[in-house]
C-alpha atoms as a PDB file:
ATOM      1  CA  MET A   1       0.000   0.000   0.000  1.00  0.00           C
ATOM      2  CA  PRO A   2       1.626   3.318  -1.040  1.00  0.00           C
ATOM      3  CA  LEU A   3       0.587   5.278   2.066  1.00  0.00           C
ATOM      4  CA  LEU A   4       2.293   2.853   4.411  1.00  0.00           C
ATOM      5  CA  ALA A   5       5.507   3.057   2.400  1.00  0.00           C
ATOM      6  CA  MET A   6       5.622   6.817   2.999  1.00  0.00           C
ATOM      7  CA  GLY A   7       5.923   6.373   6.774  1.00  0.00           C
ATOM      8  CA  ILE A   8       2.747   8.182   7.776  1.00  0.00           C
ATOM      9  CA  LEU A   9       2.478   9.334  11.370  1.00  0.00           C
ATOM     10  CA  LEU A  10      -0.964   9.264  12.966  1.00  0.00           C
ATOM     11  CA  LEU A  11      -1.368  11.569  15.952  1.00  0.00           C
ATOM     12  CA  ALA A  12      -4.863  13.012  15.960  1.00  0.00           C
ATOM     13  CA  SER A  13      -7.897  12.940  18.202  1.00  0.00           C
ATOM     14  CA  CYS A  14     -10.896  14.011  16.182  1.00  0.00           C
ATOM     15  CA  SER A  15     -13.696  11.507  16.191  1.00  0.00           C
ATOM     16  CA  LYS A  16     -14.645   9.035  18.882  1.00  0.00           C
ATOM     17  CA  THR A  17     -13.282   6.231  16.726  1.00  0.00           C
ATOM     18  CA  ASN A  18      -9.783   7.770  16.539  1.00  0.00           C
ATOM     19  CA  ASN A  19      -9.130   8.773  20.165  1.00  0.00           C
ATOM     20  CA  ASN A  20      -6.405   6.172  20.677  1.00  0.00           C
ATOM     21  CA  ALA A  21      -4.047   7.219  17.843  1.00  0.00           C
ATOM     22  CA  PRO A  22      -1.219   6.466  17.224  1.00  0.00           C
ATOM     23  CA  THR A  23      -1.515   2.762  16.583  1.00  0.00           C
ATOM     24  CA  GLY A  24       0.770   0.144  18.071  1.00  0.00           C
ATOM     25  CA  ASN A  25       1.145  -2.132  21.033  1.00  0.00           C
ATOM     26  CA  PRO A  26      -1.144  -0.675  23.741  1.00  0.00           C
ATOM     27  CA  GLU A  27       1.307  -1.618  26.490  1.00  0.00           C
ATOM     28  CA  VAL A  28       4.073   0.545  25.005  1.00  0.00           C
ATOM     29  CA  ARG A  29       2.055   3.245  23.241  1.00  0.00           C
ATOM     30  CA  PRO A  30       2.522   6.661  24.897  1.00  0.00           C
ATOM     31  CA  ASP A  31      -0.492   8.526  26.239  1.00  0.00           C
ATOM     32  CA  TRP A  32      -0.393  11.479  23.813  1.00  0.00           C
ATOM     33  CA  HIS A  33      -3.258  13.276  25.565  1.00  0.00           C
ATOM     34  CA  SER A  34      -1.408  13.557  28.881  1.00  0.00           C
ATOM     35  CA  MET A  35       1.992  14.171  27.255  1.00  0.00           C
ATOM     36  CA  ALA A  36       0.789  16.997  24.997  1.00  0.00           C
ATOM     37  CA  ASP A  37       1.503  19.953  27.246  1.00  0.00           C
ATOM     38  CA  GLU A  38       4.257  22.425  27.970  1.00  0.00           C
ATOM     39  CA  ASP A  39       6.046  20.032  30.333  1.00  0.00           C
ATOM     40  CA  HIS A  40       6.601  17.496  27.551  1.00  0.00           C
ATOM     41  CA  ASN A  41       7.016  19.945  24.638  1.00  0.00           C
ATOM     42  CA  ILE A  42       4.482  18.147  22.422  1.00  0.00           C
ATOM     43  CA  PRO A  43       2.488  20.751  20.498  1.00  0.00           C
ATOM     44  CA  ILE A  44      -1.306  20.749  20.329  1.00  0.00           C
ATOM     45  CA  PHE A  45      -3.083  22.014  17.206  1.00  0.00           C
ATOM     46  CA  ASN A  46      -6.856  22.511  17.476  1.00  0.00           C
ATOM     47  CA  HIS A  47      -8.596  22.664  14.114  1.00  0.00           C
ATOM     48  CA  LYS A  48     -12.219  23.709  13.588  1.00  0.00           C
ATOM     49  CA  VAL A  49     -14.010  23.081  10.275  1.00  0.00           C
ATOM     50  CA  THR A  50     -17.168  25.076   9.549  1.00  0.00           C
ATOM     51  CA  THR A  51     -19.551  25.867   6.741  1.00  0.00           C
ATOM     52  CA  ALA A  52     -19.801  29.434   5.394  1.00  0.00           C
ATOM     53  CA  ASP A  53     -22.594  30.171   7.904  1.00  0.00           C
ATOM     54  CA  GLY A  54     -20.386  29.133  10.861  1.00  0.00           C
ATOM     55  CA  GLN A  55     -21.905  25.705  11.555  1.00  0.00           C
ATOM     56  CA  GLY A  56     -19.410  23.030  12.629  1.00  0.00           C
ATOM     57  CA  MET A  57     -18.935  20.383   9.943  1.00  0.00           C
ATOM     58  CA  PRO A  58     -18.862  16.786  11.212  1.00  0.00           C
ATOM     59  CA  GLY A  59     -17.201  14.054   9.169  1.00  0.00           C
ATOM     60  CA  ALA A  60     -14.714  16.203   7.243  1.00  0.00           C
ATOM     61  CA  THR A  61     -11.402  14.556   6.370  1.00  0.00           C
ATOM     62  CA  ASP A  62      -8.728  16.709   7.984  1.00  0.00           C
ATOM     63  CA  SER A  63      -4.969  16.411   7.486  1.00  0.00           C
ATOM     64  CA  LEU A  64      -1.920  18.224   8.752  1.00  0.00           C
ATOM     65  CA  TYR A  65       1.292  17.576   6.841  1.00  0.00           C
ATOM     66  CA  ASN A  66       4.766  18.832   5.984  1.00  0.00           C
ATOM     67  CA  GLY A  67       7.540  17.305   3.922  1.00  0.00           C
ATOM     68  CA  HIS A  68       8.139  14.486   6.426  1.00  0.00           C
ATOM     69  CA  ASP A  69       5.042  13.745   8.495  1.00  0.00           C
ATOM     70  CA  THR A  70       1.309  13.476   7.823  1.00  0.00           C
ATOM     71  CA  LEU A  71      -1.419  13.387  10.459  1.00  0.00           C
ATOM     72  CA  PHE A  72      -5.012  12.460   9.556  1.00  0.00           C
ATOM     73  CA  GLY A  73      -8.324  12.881  11.323  1.00  0.00           C
ATOM     74  CA  ILE A  74     -12.081  13.102  10.870  1.00  0.00           C
ATOM     75  CA  THR A  75     -13.888  16.024  12.479  1.00  0.00           C
ATOM     76  CA  ASP A  76     -16.245  15.252  15.356  1.00  0.00           C
ATOM     77  CA  ASN A  77     -19.948  16.186  15.559  1.00  0.00           C
ATOM     78  CA  ASN A  78     -19.024  19.843  16.187  1.00  0.00           C
ATOM     79  CA  GLY A  79     -16.427  20.091  13.397  1.00  0.00           C
ATOM     80  CA  ASN A  80     -13.422  19.863  15.743  1.00  0.00           C
ATOM     81  CA  CYS A  81     -10.189  17.943  15.277  1.00  0.00           C
ATOM     82  CA  THR A  82      -7.140  18.037  17.551  1.00  0.00           C
ATOM     83  CA  PHE A  83      -3.699  17.098  16.265  1.00  0.00           C
ATOM     84  CA  TYR A  84      -0.526  16.374  18.230  1.00  0.00           C
ATOM     85  CA  PRO A  85       2.247  17.204  15.732  1.00  0.00           C
ATOM     86  CA  PRO A  86       5.704  15.974  16.754  1.00  0.00           C
ATOM     87  CA  TYR A  87       7.238  19.459  16.415  1.00  0.00           C
ATOM     88  CA  LEU A  88       6.521  23.125  15.697  1.00  0.00           C
ATOM     89  CA  GLY A  89       7.215  24.788  12.338  1.00  0.00           C
ATOM     90  CA  THR A  90       5.612  25.033   8.908  1.00  0.00           C
ATOM     91  CA  TRP A  91       2.683  22.690   8.262  1.00  0.00           C
ATOM     92  CA  ASN A  92      -0.039  22.457   5.614  1.00  0.00           C
ATOM     93  CA  ILE A  93      -3.727  21.856   6.307  1.00  0.00           C
ATOM     94  CA  SER A  94      -6.071  20.120   3.876  1.00  0.00           C
ATOM     95  CA  VAL A  95      -9.774  19.513   4.476  1.00  0.00           C
ATOM     96  CA  TYR A  96     -12.186  17.560   2.278  1.00  0.00           C
ATOM     97  CA  HIS A  97     -15.925  16.940   2.546  1.00  0.00           C
ATOM     98  CA  ASP A  98     -18.404  15.737  -0.068  1.00  0.00           C
ATOM     99  CA  GLY A  99     -20.310  18.621  -1.651  1.00  0.00           C
ATOM    100  CA  TYR A 100     -17.720  21.274  -0.644  1.00  0.00           C
ATOM    101  CA  LEU A 101     -14.617  22.737  -2.243  1.00  0.00           C
ATOM    102  CA  PRO A 102     -11.332  21.455  -0.764  1.00  0.00           C
ATOM    103  CA  PHE A 103      -9.575  23.730   1.744  1.00  0.00           C
ATOM    104  CA  HIS A 104      -5.782  24.113   1.748  1.00  0.00           C
ATOM    105  CA  LYS A 105      -3.647  26.464   3.823  1.00  0.00           C
ATOM    106  CA  GLN A 106      -0.042  26.694   5.015  1.00  0.00           C
ATOM    107  CA  ILE A 107       0.365  27.588   8.688  1.00  0.00           C
ATOM    108  CA  GLN A 108       3.174  28.243  11.146  1.00  0.00           C
ATOM    109  CA  LEU A 109       2.903  26.393  14.453  1.00  0.00           C
ATOM    110  CA  ILE A 110       4.940  28.606  16.796  1.00  0.00           C
ATOM    111  CA  ASP A 111       3.207  28.047  20.152  1.00  0.00           C
ATOM    112  CA  SER A 112       2.702  24.882  22.171  1.00  0.00           C
ATOM    113  CA  VAL A 113      -1.068  25.299  21.681  1.00  0.00           C
ATOM    114  CA  SER A 114      -2.325  26.652  18.337  1.00  0.00           C
ATOM    115  CA  SER A 115      -5.718  26.822  16.649  1.00  0.00           C
ATOM    116  CA  GLU A 116      -7.138  27.517  13.206  1.00  0.00           C
ATOM    117  CA  THR A 117     -10.588  27.535  11.582  1.00  0.00           C
ATOM    118  CA  ALA A 118     -11.224  26.263   8.072  1.00  0.00           C
ATOM    119  CA  ILE A 119     -14.365  27.545   6.341  1.00  0.00           C
ATOM    120  CA  LEU A 120     -15.583  25.239   3.568  1.00  0.00           C
ATOM    121  CA  GLU A 121     -17.424  26.717   0.591  1.00  0.00           C
ATOM    122  CA  GLN A 122     -19.833  24.902  -1.706  1.00  0.00           C
END
């Protein structure tokens, strides 16, 4: 499978079905939720996806990527997705949802906790 060959990193907590990312042996998998704070220097990126009228968009495919790492998620019932990127710096956001134009934006993660809103147009 081509995606696995690229070494994709999954660190997102967006929908109830993806709260335990990343995958791996549960006995050795780190607890990213408790580690993602200033004490452990793991950034948190909160992403909100809305329609043009400001309504949260559930079920949007959300990704955060740079030249080395890609994080995927699906927005929750309120249009929220939280990523735990392994480091700060330049990242790209892409959002897709049936019936809407794709959203793409380059961002700079410079704080330990960052947020961004994507507005999808039809």
